[in-house]
């Protein structure tokens, strides 16, 4: 009895799933940019227009994604433009911002719509002609060219390097790095004899900036050390030397930008916990 009941439930679920798929198939069509709603006539028209235009002119479109972009997101574009020109492909930026969720709704119809259909179709036609990963590969090459063009200059960390790039291997993850660096420094830090501590305030703040080089070593250390209590100013050199020693001897790992090891400019503030 139980077995037959389970079989019945499975059959009902399977039929329901098939019905949903068939219903979805009736509402959508497959295109070179993916599945679109049949009611999205504008997108379908743009795709067909892109196919017609592609026969006479090949264009790569940069499509601005929705939301936050880091300052270096377009850094490779000059090199990309040159690489595309060698193949007779024009580089343009789409005038339309990309929206992941876009819905058309009025009194008659309601359906999910796709943005940048013409530009996406033009890009996919390039992939079809030159290889499935053509755009991805040529953008990667262009970015590598940018990195190599300034390989001896420090890249800003973290904005100028690969996402979630870790330069302090002892840290558990990317976000934990500065916390771990602080812990490691103060685990061996010794206050000079006679140092005057404060209650409910930080004793000092050391704003540091240094370069983590491609060989995992550091250079160009800059430290701005400030004391809350002016009486502790006489211990400036003592604390400064401890900071320099820690930074020079800690185990760092070179940052990576575009998959290439680079010099990076790293900033961190050292301060004692408030008691």
Protein backbone atom coordinates (compact mmCIF):
# COMPACT_ATOMS: atom_id res chain seq x y z
CA UNK A 1 0.00 0.00 0.00
CA UNK A 2 2.73 2.43 1.04
CA UNK A 3 4.89 1.51 -1.95
CA UNK A 4 2.00 2.09 -4.38
CA UNK A 5 1.24 5.43 -2.74
CA UNK A 6 4.87 6.58 -3.13
CA UNK A 7 4.85 5.52 -6.78
CA UNK A 8 1.67 7.55 -7.29
CA UNK A 9 3.24 10.63 -5.66
CA UNK A 10 6.36 10.28 -7.81
CA UNK A 11 4.25 9.97 -10.97
CA UNK A 12 2.20 13.07 -10.09
CA UNK A 13 5.39 15.05 -9.37
CA UNK A 14 6.98 13.93 -12.66
CA UNK A 15 3.90 14.87 -14.68
CA UNK A 16 3.76 18.25 -12.93
CA UNK A 17 7.42 18.93 -13.74
CA UNK A 18 6.95 17.95 -17.38
CA UNK A 19 3.91 20.22 -17.61
CA UNK A 20 5.89 23.15 -16.17
CA UNK A 21 8.73 22.56 -18.65
CA UNK A 22 6.31 22.34 -21.55
CA UNK A 23 4.57 25.49 -20.37
CA UNK A 24 7.94 27.25 -20.13
CA UNK A 25 8.88 26.05 -23.61
CA UNK A 26 5.66 27.56 -24.96
CA UNK A 27 6.52 30.94 -23.47
CA UNK A 28 10.20 31.14 -24.38
CA UNK A 29 12.55 30.77 -27.34
CA UNK A 30 16.24 29.92 -27.54
CA UNK A 31 18.48 32.55 -29.14
CA UNK A 32 22.23 33.13 -29.52
CA UNK A 33 22.14 35.20 -26.30
CA UNK A 34 20.14 32.58 -24.39
CA UNK A 35 16.48 32.01 -23.58
CA UNK A 36 14.14 34.99 -23.99
CA UNK A 37 10.41 35.42 -23.51
CA UNK A 38 8.37 35.15 -26.71
CA UNK A 39 6.63 38.38 -25.81
CA UNK A 40 9.97 40.22 -25.82
CA UNK A 41 9.54 41.23 -29.47
CA UNK A 42 11.98 44.12 -29.10
CA UNK A 43 14.83 41.83 -28.03
CA UNK A 44 14.08 39.34 -30.78
CA UNK A 45 14.13 42.17 -33.33
CA UNK A 46 17.46 43.49 -32.01
CA UNK A 47 19.04 40.04 -32.30
CA UNK A 48 17.93 39.73 -35.93
CA UNK A 49 19.18 43.24 -36.69
CA UNK A 50 22.57 42.41 -35.13
CA UNK A 51 22.83 39.33 -37.36
CA UNK A 52 22.15 41.45 -40.44
CA UNK A 53 24.64 44.17 -39.43
CA UNK A 54 27.34 41.62 -38.56
CA UNK A 55 27.65 40.65 -42.20
CA UNK A 56 28.92 44.15 -43.00
CA UNK A 57 30.67 45.24 -39.78
CA UNK A 58 32.02 43.34 -36.79
CA UNK A 59 31.72 45.21 -33.49
CA UNK A 60 32.58 44.30 -29.91
CA UNK A 61 30.42 46.08 -27.35
CA UNK A 62 31.48 46.75 -23.78
CA UNK A 63 28.33 46.46 -21.67
CA UNK A 64 28.37 48.36 -18.38
CA UNK A 65 27.12 45.97 -15.68
CA UNK A 66 24.59 47.09 -13.12
CA UNK A 67 25.93 48.13 -9.72
CA UNK A 68 29.40 48.90 -8.34
CA UNK A 69 32.48 48.80 -10.52
CA UNK A 70 36.03 49.17 -9.24
CA UNK A 71 38.13 52.00 -10.66
CA UNK A 72 40.30 49.63 -12.73
CA UNK A 73 37.49 47.74 -14.47
CA UNK A 74 38.23 49.45 -17.81
CA UNK A 75 42.00 49.63 -17.45
CA UNK A 76 42.60 47.19 -20.33
CA UNK A 77 40.34 48.89 -22.86
CA UNK A 78 43.08 50.74 -24.82
CA UNK A 79 44.90 47.43 -25.36
CA UNK A 80 41.66 45.62 -26.15
CA UNK A 81 40.87 48.25 -28.78
CA UNK A 82 44.26 47.66 -30.45
CA UNK A 83 43.87 43.87 -30.44
CA UNK A 84 40.39 44.08 -31.93
CA UNK A 85 41.51 46.52 -34.63
CA UNK A 86 44.13 44.03 -35.82
CA UNK A 87 41.24 41.68 -36.64
CA UNK A 88 39.13 44.43 -38.22
CA UNK A 89 36.75 44.52 -35.27
CA UNK A 90 35.51 47.86 -33.94
CA UNK A 91 35.34 48.55 -30.20
CA UNK A 92 32.33 50.43 -28.80
CA UNK A 93 30.61 50.95 -25.48
CA UNK A 94 26.93 50.11 -25.20
CA UNK A 95 24.78 53.20 -24.51
CA UNK A 96 22.48 51.03 -22.40
CA UNK A 97 23.24 49.98 -18.82
CA UNK A 98 22.81 46.28 -18.12
CA UNK A 99 20.02 45.22 -15.75
CA UNK A 100 19.90 41.67 -14.46
CA UNK A 101 16.21 41.95 -13.51
CA UNK A 102 14.07 43.88 -15.97
CA UNK A 103 10.31 43.47 -16.33
CA UNK A 104 7.86 44.80 -18.90
CA UNK A 105 4.35 45.21 -17.58
CA UNK A 106 1.21 46.98 -18.76
CA UNK A 107 -2.54 46.37 -18.87
CA UNK A 108 -2.16 43.75 -21.60
CA UNK A 109 1.04 41.82 -20.90
CA UNK A 110 3.72 41.09 -18.34
CA UNK A 111 7.03 39.37 -19.02
CA UNK A 112 10.76 39.38 -18.06
CA UNK A 113 12.74 41.39 -20.62
CA UNK A 114 16.40 41.33 -21.61
CA UNK A 115 18.55 44.45 -21.91
CA UNK A 116 21.36 45.06 -24.44
CA UNK A 117 20.05 42.39 -26.83
CA UNK A 118 21.69 43.96 -29.90
CA UNK A 119 25.09 44.33 -28.20
CA UNK A 120 24.98 40.87 -26.66
CA UNK A 121 24.07 39.35 -30.01
CA UNK A 122 26.94 41.19 -31.72
CA UNK A 123 29.37 39.85 -29.10
CA UNK A 124 28.06 36.30 -29.35
CA UNK A 125 28.44 36.41 -33.12
CA UNK A 126 32.13 37.19 -32.58
CA UNK A 127 32.40 34.12 -30.36
CA UNK A 128 30.67 32.01 -32.98
CA UNK A 129 33.05 33.19 -35.69
CA UNK A 130 36.38 33.26 -33.83
CA UNK A 131 35.87 30.65 -31.10
CA UNK A 132 33.59 30.03 -28.14
CA UNK A 133 35.83 31.90 -25.65
CA UNK A 134 37.09 34.56 -28.07
CA UNK A 135 35.87 37.59 -26.08
CA UNK A 136 36.93 36.18 -22.73
CA UNK A 137 40.38 35.28 -24.05
CA UNK A 138 41.06 38.54 -25.88
CA UNK A 139 40.01 40.58 -22.83
CA UNK A 140 42.34 38.50 -20.67
CA UNK A 141 45.19 39.08 -23.14
CA UNK A 142 44.49 42.82 -23.16
CA UNK A 143 44.53 42.95 -19.37
CA UNK A 144 47.84 41.06 -19.25
CA UNK A 145 49.28 43.60 -21.70
CA UNK A 146 48.17 46.43 -19.41
CA UNK A 147 49.77 44.77 -16.37
CA UNK A 148 53.05 44.15 -18.18
CA UNK A 149 53.14 47.75 -19.42
CA UNK A 150 53.55 48.92 -15.81
CA UNK A 151 54.96 45.82 -14.16
CA UNK A 152 57.56 47.74 -12.11
CA UNK A 153 55.04 50.22 -10.68
CA UNK A 154 53.16 49.27 -7.50
CA UNK A 155 49.49 48.42 -7.96
CA UNK A 156 47.07 49.70 -5.35
CA UNK A 157 45.92 47.00 -2.95
CA UNK A 158 43.23 45.73 -3.09
CA UNK A 159 41.58 47.77 -5.87
CA UNK A 160 44.32 47.24 -8.47
CA UNK A 161 44.84 43.50 -8.01
CA UNK A 162 42.77 40.36 -8.53
CA UNK A 163 39.66 40.00 -6.37
CA UNK A 164 40.23 38.46 -2.93
CA UNK A 165 43.98 38.32 -3.48
CA UNK A 166 45.70 37.38 -0.20
CA UNK A 167 49.09 38.94 0.61
CA UNK A 168 49.33 37.73 4.22
CA UNK A 169 49.17 33.91 4.04
CA UNK A 170 48.73 33.46 7.81
CA UNK A 171 45.26 34.98 7.54
CA UNK A 172 42.32 32.59 7.26
CA UNK A 173 40.77 34.57 4.42
CA UNK A 174 40.91 37.86 2.52
CA UNK A 175 38.84 39.86 5.02
CA UNK A 176 40.77 38.51 8.00
CA UNK A 177 44.19 39.74 6.84
CA UNK A 178 44.51 43.06 8.67
CA UNK A 179 43.07 41.58 11.87
CA UNK A 180 45.65 38.77 11.75
CA UNK A 181 48.50 41.20 11.00
CA UNK A 182 47.54 43.26 14.06
CA UNK A 183 47.38 40.16 16.25
CA UNK A 184 50.78 38.95 15.09
CA UNK A 185 52.44 42.31 15.65
CA UNK A 186 51.09 42.84 19.16
CA UNK A 187 51.81 39.23 20.17
CA UNK A 188 55.52 40.16 20.24
CA UNK A 189 55.27 43.89 20.86
CA UNK A 190 56.86 45.24 24.04
CA UNK A 191 56.01 48.61 25.51
CA UNK A 192 59.12 50.56 26.51
CA UNK A 193 59.79 50.91 30.24
CA UNK A 194 58.03 53.99 31.53
CA UNK A 195 55.40 54.09 28.79
CA UNK A 196 52.30 55.87 30.10
CA UNK A 197 49.11 53.95 29.28
CA UNK A 198 45.69 55.53 28.94
CA UNK A 199 42.31 54.16 29.99
CA UNK A 200 39.51 54.00 27.42
CA UNK A 201 41.78 55.39 24.73
CA UNK A 202 44.31 54.02 22.28
CA UNK A 203 47.89 54.74 23.30
CA UNK A 204 49.14 55.24 19.76
CA UNK A 205 48.20 55.03 16.10
CA UNK A 206 50.74 54.00 13.46
CA UNK A 207 49.58 54.60 9.89
CA UNK A 208 51.81 52.52 7.66
CA UNK A 209 52.24 52.09 3.93
CA UNK A 210 54.77 49.87 2.18
CA UNK A 211 55.34 47.94 -1.02
CA UNK A 212 55.00 44.17 -1.18
CA UNK A 213 57.25 43.22 -4.09
CA UNK A 214 57.02 40.46 -6.66
CA UNK A 215 59.69 38.51 -4.73
CA UNK A 216 57.49 38.51 -1.56
CA UNK A 217 59.79 41.02 0.19
CA UNK A 218 58.86 44.54 1.31
CA UNK A 219 60.34 47.94 0.57
CA UNK A 220 59.60 51.66 0.75
CA UNK A 221 58.19 51.51 4.29
CA UNK A 222 56.49 54.74 5.41
CA UNK A 223 55.16 55.14 8.95
CA UNK A 224 53.29 58.01 10.57
CA UNK A 225 53.28 57.37 14.34
CA UNK A 226 51.11 59.46 16.66
CA UNK A 227 50.71 59.25 20.44
CA UNK A 228 47.57 60.15 22.36
CA UNK A 229 49.70 61.17 25.33
CA UNK A 230 52.49 63.62 24.28
CA UNK A 231 54.62 62.29 27.15
CA UNK A 232 55.13 59.08 25.16
CA UNK A 233 56.71 60.90 22.24
CA UNK A 234 60.15 60.06 23.66
CA UNK A 235 59.43 56.38 22.83
CA UNK A 236 58.90 57.18 19.13
CA UNK A 237 62.05 55.45 17.84
CA UNK A 238 61.54 52.37 20.02
CA UNK A 239 58.04 51.69 18.71
CA UNK A 240 59.00 52.72 15.18
CA UNK A 241 61.82 50.16 15.13
CA UNK A 242 59.49 47.41 16.34
CA UNK A 243 57.04 48.22 13.57
CA UNK A 244 59.77 48.22 10.90
CA UNK A 245 61.20 44.94 12.20
CA UNK A 246 57.80 43.26 12.09
CA UNK A 247 56.95 44.52 8.60
CA UNK A 248 60.35 43.52 7.19
CA UNK A 249 60.32 40.05 8.73
CA UNK A 250 56.67 39.02 8.40
CA UNK A 251 55.85 36.47 5.71
CA UNK A 252 54.20 38.28 2.83
CA UNK A 253 52.99 36.97 -0.51
CA UNK A 254 53.14 38.99 -3.71
CA UNK A 255 49.81 40.24 -5.03
CA UNK A 256 48.52 39.07 -8.38
CA UNK A 257 46.90 41.27 -11.04
CA UNK A 258 45.54 39.72 -14.20
CA UNK A 259 47.13 36.46 -13.08
CA UNK A 260 50.60 38.06 -12.97
CA UNK A 261 52.71 38.65 -9.85
CA UNK A 262 53.05 42.39 -9.22
CA UNK A 263 54.39 44.91 -6.74
CA UNK A 264 51.56 46.26 -4.60
CA UNK A 265 51.12 49.24 -2.32
CA UNK A 266 49.70 48.03 1.01
CA UNK A 267 48.28 50.17 3.82
CA UNK A 268 47.48 49.19 7.40
CA UNK A 269 47.02 51.01 10.70
CA UNK A 270 48.50 49.58 13.91
CA UNK A 271 46.90 50.52 17.22
CA UNK A 272 46.50 48.90 20.60
CA UNK A 273 43.14 47.68 21.85
CA UNK A 274 41.19 50.11 24.05
CA UNK A 275 41.15 48.94 27.67
